[in-house]
Amino acid sequence: MALGNEHLFKFYEDHIVTERDLNRETAKHLVHTYGTSSLRVLDLGEQNEKAGLKGTNDRIHADYPFLKSEISYSAKFELAQKPNDIIFRRVPIAFLNKKAAEDVLNDL
């Protein structure tokens, strides 16, 4: 029996929450944004952390579910090249909160 999208997304959310130790809000964001590739985003974050690089699975801002690994993923797999491309198009924090976007840009 094939799972529908809603069940599949719920399965991925549950996996991210239980196996990757992230909160439900972040898991929902990842699955909604990346679908089944959400695990690739998290794997990249773990690889970066092991290599001592920025781009772990920590949030880029405490108030939003976006992760540092999404920035790495955007640069590596989605050809994002400039910080503005990331904060407006890939991790759209700039549309949600100008001050938070400025804080993120200062940390990049």
Protein backbone atom coordinates (compact mmCIF):
# COMPACT_ATOMS: atom_id res chain seq x y z
CA MET A 1 0.00 0.00 0.00
CA ALA A 2 1.45 3.35 -1.04
CA LEU A 3 1.55 6.17 1.47
CA GLY A 4 -0.02 9.48 0.52
CA ASN A 5 2.03 12.67 0.72
CA GLU A 6 0.51 13.65 4.06
CA HIS A 7 1.48 10.32 5.64
CA LEU A 8 4.92 10.37 4.07
CA PHE A 9 5.59 13.91 5.32
CA LYS A 10 4.42 12.91 8.81
CA PHE A 11 6.76 9.90 8.70
CA TYR A 12 9.71 12.15 7.78
CA GLU A 13 8.76 14.69 10.47
CA ASP A 14 8.63 11.94 13.09
CA HIS A 15 11.96 10.56 11.94
CA ILE A 16 13.62 13.98 12.15
CA VAL A 17 12.20 14.63 15.61
CA THR A 18 13.09 11.24 17.08
CA GLU A 19 16.25 10.23 15.22
CA ARG A 20 17.83 13.64 14.55
CA ASP A 21 16.75 15.22 17.84
CA LEU A 22 15.23 18.37 16.33
CA ASN A 23 12.00 20.01 17.41
CA ARG A 24 8.71 19.54 15.55
CA GLU A 25 8.66 23.09 14.16
CA THR A 26 12.04 22.61 12.50
CA ALA A 27 11.09 19.16 11.23
CA LYS A 28 7.88 20.52 9.66
CA HIS A 29 9.81 23.34 8.02
CA LEU A 30 12.41 20.99 6.56
CA VAL A 31 9.90 18.48 5.22
CA HIS A 32 7.66 21.19 3.79
CA THR A 33 10.61 22.96 2.12
CA TYR A 34 12.80 20.05 1.00
CA GLY A 35 10.51 17.02 1.04
CA THR A 36 12.50 13.79 1.08
CA SER A 37 15.69 15.79 0.54
CA SER A 38 15.33 17.14 4.08
CA LEU A 39 17.52 14.25 5.21
CA ARG A 40 20.22 15.36 2.75
CA VAL A 41 20.17 18.80 4.38
CA LEU A 42 20.63 17.26 7.81
CA ASP A 43 23.34 14.87 6.60
CA LEU A 44 25.27 17.80 5.15
CA GLY A 45 25.02 19.62 8.47
CA GLU A 46 26.39 16.60 10.30
CA GLN A 47 29.25 16.25 7.79
CA ASN A 48 30.09 19.92 8.21
CA GLU A 49 30.08 19.62 11.99
CA LYS A 50 32.45 16.64 11.87
CA ALA A 51 34.76 18.65 9.61
CA GLY A 52 34.69 21.59 12.02
CA LEU A 53 32.87 23.88 9.55
CA LYS A 54 29.93 26.20 9.94
CA GLY A 55 26.77 24.72 8.53
CA THR A 56 25.63 22.47 11.35
CA ASN A 57 22.05 21.62 12.16
CA ASP A 58 21.77 24.56 14.56
CA ARG A 59 19.26 27.33 13.94
CA ILE A 60 20.49 30.47 12.23
CA HIS A 61 18.23 32.52 14.50
CA ALA A 62 16.52 31.46 17.71
CA ASP A 63 13.08 32.68 16.61
CA TYR A 64 12.92 30.80 13.28
CA PRO A 65 13.21 27.14 12.25
CA PHE A 66 15.87 27.73 9.58
CA LEU A 67 19.14 25.81 10.01
CA LYS A 68 22.74 26.63 9.19
CA SER A 69 22.88 23.44 7.14
CA GLU A 70 20.26 24.94 4.80
CA ILE A 71 22.75 27.65 3.90
CA SER A 72 25.38 25.03 3.09
CA TYR A 73 22.83 23.02 1.14
CA SER A 74 21.79 26.12 -0.83
CA ALA A 75 25.37 26.88 -1.78
CA LYS A 76 26.29 23.30 -2.66
CA PHE A 77 23.14 21.99 -4.38
CA GLU A 78 21.03 25.02 -5.32
CA LEU A 79 23.82 27.27 -6.63
CA ALA A 80 23.15 30.10 -4.18
CA GLN A 81 26.17 32.38 -4.34
CA LYS A 82 25.45 35.58 -2.44
CA PRO A 83 24.17 36.12 1.10
CA ASN A 84 21.14 38.04 -0.19
CA ASP A 85 20.19 35.10 -2.40
CA ILE A 86 20.19 32.91 0.67
CA ILE A 87 18.25 35.12 3.09
CA PHE A 88 15.63 36.16 0.53
CA ARG A 89 15.16 33.07 -1.62
CA ARG A 90 16.46 29.95 0.08
CA VAL A 91 15.99 30.73 3.78
CA PRO A 92 13.50 33.60 3.47
CA ILE A 93 14.15 35.13 6.87
CA ALA A 94 14.43 38.60 5.29
CA PHE A 95 10.72 38.52 4.44
CA LEU A 96 9.81 37.64 8.00
CA ASN A 97 12.00 39.91 10.08
CA LYS A 98 14.47 42.52 8.85
CA LYS A 99 16.38 42.69 12.14
CA ALA A 100 16.75 38.90 12.30
CA ALA A 101 18.01 38.87 8.70
CA GLU A 102 20.61 41.51 9.55
CA ASP A 103 21.75 39.43 12.52
CA VAL A 104 22.07 36.36 10.30
CA LEU A 105 24.04 38.28 7.67
CA ASN A 106 26.45 39.50 10.34
CA ASP A 107 27.04 35.89 11.41
CA LEU A 108 27.71 34.56 7.89
